[in-house]
Structures are given as C-alpha cells and as structure tokens.
Protein backbone atom coordinates (compact mmCIF):
# COMPACT_ATOMS: atom_id res chain seq x y z
CA UNK A 1 69.88 134.94 -46.38
CA UNK A 2 73.52 135.42 -45.43
CA UNK A 3 73.74 139.23 -45.18
CA UNK A 4 75.86 139.53 -41.99
CA UNK A 5 75.14 143.24 -41.53
CA UNK A 6 75.69 142.98 -37.79
CA UNK A 7 78.85 140.87 -37.99
CA UNK A 8 82.03 142.89 -38.23
CA UNK A 9 80.41 145.94 -39.75
CA UNK A 10 80.93 149.03 -37.63
CA UNK A 11 77.76 149.54 -35.64
CA UNK A 12 77.10 152.99 -37.12
CA UNK A 13 76.94 151.53 -40.65
CA UNK A 14 74.73 148.63 -39.58
CA UNK A 15 72.45 151.09 -37.79
CA UNK A 16 72.27 153.28 -40.88
CA UNK A 17 71.28 150.37 -43.09
CA UNK A 18 68.72 149.15 -40.55
CA UNK A 19 67.11 152.56 -40.15
CA UNK A 20 66.87 153.22 -43.86
CA UNK A 21 65.37 149.85 -44.67
CA UNK A 22 63.23 149.24 -41.59
CA UNK A 23 62.01 152.60 -40.41
CA UNK A 24 60.48 154.51 -43.34
CA UNK A 25 58.92 157.10 -41.05
CA UNK A 26 62.39 158.20 -39.93
CA UNK A 27 63.51 158.51 -43.57
CA UNK A 28 60.62 160.89 -44.20
CA UNK A 29 61.63 163.12 -41.28
CA UNK A 30 65.19 163.77 -42.49
CA UNK A 31 65.33 165.12 -46.04
CA UNK A 32 68.23 164.19 -48.25
CA UNK A 33 70.93 166.85 -48.47
CA UNK A 34 71.50 165.90 -52.11
CA UNK A 35 69.00 166.37 -54.88
CA UNK A 36 67.37 163.09 -55.85
CA UNK A 37 64.52 162.01 -58.04
CA UNK A 38 61.17 161.92 -56.30
CA UNK A 39 61.01 158.17 -56.85
CA UNK A 40 64.14 155.98 -56.92
CA UNK A 41 64.73 153.69 -59.89
CA UNK A 42 63.57 150.10 -59.76
CA UNK A 43 66.10 147.66 -58.35
CA UNK A 44 68.03 145.30 -60.59
CA UNK A 45 66.55 141.80 -60.57
CA UNK A 46 68.33 139.16 -58.52
CA UNK A 47 68.86 137.07 -61.67
CA UNK A 48 71.09 139.85 -63.09
CA UNK A 49 73.12 140.34 -59.90
CA UNK A 50 73.90 136.72 -59.01
CA UNK A 51 76.18 136.25 -62.08
CA UNK A 52 78.32 139.15 -60.79
CA UNK A 53 79.27 137.07 -57.73
CA UNK A 54 82.61 135.48 -58.64
CA UNK A 55 83.45 131.81 -58.94
CA UNK A 56 85.57 130.36 -56.15
CA UNK A 57 89.33 130.61 -56.56
CA UNK A 58 91.36 127.37 -56.59
CA UNK A 59 91.21 125.60 -53.25
CA UNK A 60 88.01 127.35 -52.13
CA UNK A 61 84.43 125.98 -52.00
CA UNK A 62 81.50 128.31 -52.70
CA UNK A 63 78.04 128.12 -51.17
CA UNK A 64 75.05 128.44 -53.45
CA UNK A 65 74.43 132.15 -54.16
CA UNK A 66 71.34 133.65 -52.56
CA UNK A 67 69.30 136.73 -53.34
CA UNK A 68 66.09 138.61 -52.69
CA UNK A 69 64.31 141.87 -53.44
CA UNK A 70 62.33 143.78 -50.83
CA UNK A 71 60.01 146.75 -51.06
CA UNK A 72 58.69 148.75 -48.12
CA UNK A 73 56.73 151.99 -48.42
CA UNK A 74 58.32 152.96 -51.72
CA UNK A 75 61.88 151.94 -50.80
CA UNK A 76 63.31 149.00 -52.78
CA UNK A 77 66.43 146.98 -52.20
CA UNK A 78 67.91 143.86 -53.82
CA UNK A 79 70.61 141.83 -52.12
CA UNK A 80 72.67 138.90 -53.38
CA UNK A 81 75.23 136.99 -51.38
CA UNK A 82 77.73 134.15 -51.62
CA UNK A 83 80.12 132.65 -49.07
CA UNK A 84 83.40 130.92 -49.87
CA UNK A 85 85.38 128.61 -47.54
CA UNK A 86 88.91 127.26 -47.81
CA UNK A 87 89.05 123.86 -46.13
CA UNK A 88 86.85 122.41 -43.45
CA UNK A 89 88.64 123.31 -40.21
CA UNK A 90 86.74 125.26 -37.55
CA UNK A 91 89.02 128.24 -38.21
CA UNK A 92 89.05 127.86 -42.00
CA UNK A 93 89.42 131.11 -43.94
CA UNK A 94 86.09 132.42 -45.24
CA UNK A 95 84.94 135.23 -47.48
CA UNK A 96 81.40 136.49 -48.02
CA UNK A 97 80.44 138.85 -50.81
CA UNK A 98 77.20 140.83 -50.63
CA UNK A 99 75.91 143.13 -53.35
CA UNK A 100 73.10 145.49 -52.37
CA UNK A 101 71.24 147.53 -54.98
CA UNK A 102 70.02 150.72 -53.34
CA UNK A 103 68.02 151.62 -56.48
CA UNK A 104 69.69 155.03 -56.72
CA UNK A 105 68.23 156.07 -53.36
CA UNK A 106 70.44 159.07 -52.69
CA UNK A 107 69.38 159.39 -49.06
CA UNK A 108 70.39 155.77 -48.40
CA UNK A 109 73.78 156.40 -50.02
CA UNK A 110 74.38 159.74 -48.29
CA UNK A 111 73.55 158.34 -44.85
CA UNK A 112 75.83 155.36 -45.32
CA UNK A 113 78.73 157.38 -46.75
CA UNK A 114 78.41 159.84 -43.84
CA UNK A 115 79.14 156.96 -41.47
CA UNK A 116 82.27 156.17 -43.51
CA UNK A 117 83.98 159.39 -42.46
CA UNK A 118 85.11 157.74 -39.21
CA UNK A 119 88.80 156.92 -38.89
CA UNK A 120 89.97 154.93 -35.89
CA UNK A 121 93.16 152.97 -35.34
CA UNK A 122 94.09 151.01 -32.21
CA UNK A 123 96.28 147.98 -31.50
CA UNK A 124 93.08 145.93 -31.86
CA UNK A 125 92.37 147.06 -35.44
CA UNK A 126 91.10 149.95 -37.52
CA UNK A 127 88.20 151.65 -39.28
CA UNK A 128 88.91 153.97 -42.18
CA UNK A 129 87.44 155.61 -45.25
CA UNK A 130 89.17 154.44 -48.42
CA UNK A 131 89.06 154.72 -52.17
CA UNK A 132 89.46 151.46 -54.09
CA UNK A 133 89.59 151.41 -57.89
CA UNK A 134 88.30 155.00 -57.80
CA UNK A 135 85.26 153.99 -55.73
CA UNK A 136 84.38 155.43 -52.31
CA UNK A 137 84.53 152.88 -49.53
CA UNK A 138 85.12 151.93 -45.95
CA UNK A 139 87.31 149.27 -44.33
CA UNK A 140 87.11 147.67 -40.88
CA UNK A 141 89.64 145.15 -39.56
CA UNK A 142 90.12 143.34 -36.23
CA UNK A 143 93.71 142.15 -35.72
CA UNK A 144 93.16 139.47 -33.05
CA UNK A 145 90.59 137.54 -35.05
CA UNK A 146 91.92 138.45 -38.52
CA UNK A 147 88.43 139.52 -39.60
CA UNK A 148 87.56 142.39 -41.87
CA UNK A 149 84.88 144.12 -43.90
CA UNK A 150 85.36 146.25 -46.99
CA UNK A 151 82.53 148.30 -48.53
CA UNK A 152 82.50 150.21 -51.82
CA UNK A 153 79.79 151.84 -53.92
CA UNK A 154 79.86 150.86 -57.61
CA UNK A 155 77.84 152.52 -60.35
CA UNK A 156 76.48 155.08 -57.92
CA UNK A 157 73.96 152.56 -56.55
CA UNK A 158 75.49 149.17 -55.71
CA UNK A 159 76.96 148.63 -52.25
CA UNK A 160 79.53 145.85 -52.47
CA UNK A 161 80.54 144.31 -49.16
CA UNK A 162 83.40 141.83 -48.74
CA UNK A 163 83.77 140.10 -45.36
CA UNK A 164 86.76 137.92 -44.54
CA UNK A 165 87.75 135.78 -41.58
CA UNK A 166 91.15 134.31 -40.81
CA UNK A 167 92.75 136.36 -43.59
CA UNK A 168 94.93 139.47 -43.79
CA UNK A 169 93.71 142.95 -44.70
CA UNK A 170 95.22 142.53 -48.18
CA UNK A 171 92.75 139.72 -48.86
CA UNK A 172 89.80 142.09 -48.56
CA UNK A 173 90.90 143.95 -51.66
CA UNK A 174 91.93 140.71 -53.41
CA UNK A 175 88.37 139.41 -53.00
CA UNK A 176 86.94 142.72 -54.18
CA UNK A 177 89.10 142.49 -57.30
CA UNK A 178 87.45 139.15 -58.19
CA UNK A 179 84.18 141.03 -58.79
CA UNK A 180 83.61 142.61 -62.20
CA UNK A 181 82.85 146.08 -60.82
CA UNK A 182 82.74 147.61 -64.32
CA UNK A 183 80.03 145.17 -65.41
CA UNK A 184 78.16 145.72 -62.14
CA UNK A 185 78.31 149.49 -62.66
CA UNK A 186 76.54 149.18 -66.03
CA UNK A 187 73.50 147.31 -64.70
CA UNK A 188 70.26 149.28 -64.54
C-alpha cells in the first residue's frame, strides 16, 4: 500500500500513528484525556471510502486506488490511497491522497492532534497547525524540494492526508478541495 507515513510527515506525527497502531500495550498505559466509548465504532469498509478519492484533474494520471482494513487487539483502522502524476519526467509533480478511518478512536485522534500543536518556520520550510474548511489540521512544507503534507480530520474520525511533490503550498489545499469532505463526514 502507498501510505507514505514516513515520507514528509513530521516525525512526531508518524511516531504517534505508529505507536497507536503497532503498540497496543502502550495505548493501554496512557488513558485518553477525553471521554470515549469503551469500544470504538467499526471502521468504514474500503469499498465505501475508495469512491471518495477524487478523479484525476486534466493533465494528470491516477494510479489504481488501494485500500485495506486492519484490526489489532481491538483497534481497527481502514486506509485508502491514490497517487496522481502529471507527466512522466523524473521530477514530475505528484499528489497522493490517503484517507484513514480511525473508527472514532478518541485516543488516536487526541494523540495525533497533540502533535499538531507544533509551529516551526525556517528558511527551509514550515510546520504549522491550521484550520481548513472548519476542520482541524496540520501542514508541513519543505521549500527546497517543493514537497508538502496537509492533514485534516473530517467527520470526527477520518484523517485525510494530502502529499505533494514539485508543487507549491497552495496546491496542498487545492488537492484537498477535490475531496468531497462533506460526503466523507457522513460515512459511518
């Protein structure tokens, strides 16, 4: 699968996702600061999430969408992904969209959002918490390579990640706007 969690995502966010998915014993040791149901909801089936991934805009070629659902010690997650490329040059612009259903796992959301409180700006790029279309999010951008990652949480459970290469920061939000976030937010 083409999840790219280690590519371009600030290491604290990648570490948070890894710990919550891979190390259930650590999740049990740190209780959630927010009230949550004793058992998270079931994840949305891949077949319902793949249609949310947008078609390619004119001049772009999409890969075949991919998806999977995983369960480990009571924690469920579904991920779908699609990559888009403009042209065939080695430095062709690319965009990858990932949608991750956290199944209303409040601890997963709280841990990830806590990592989003970091703000950092240097001549090399930036990391910052943002709000896009009323949704909480986080943006990372590297100037030299023109690469970026934008995360938002839709419907209180869906992490939407947009990764771009060889594109400006404005393109992160343009790609996000191609996703029907309202429709995504209604899925259960």
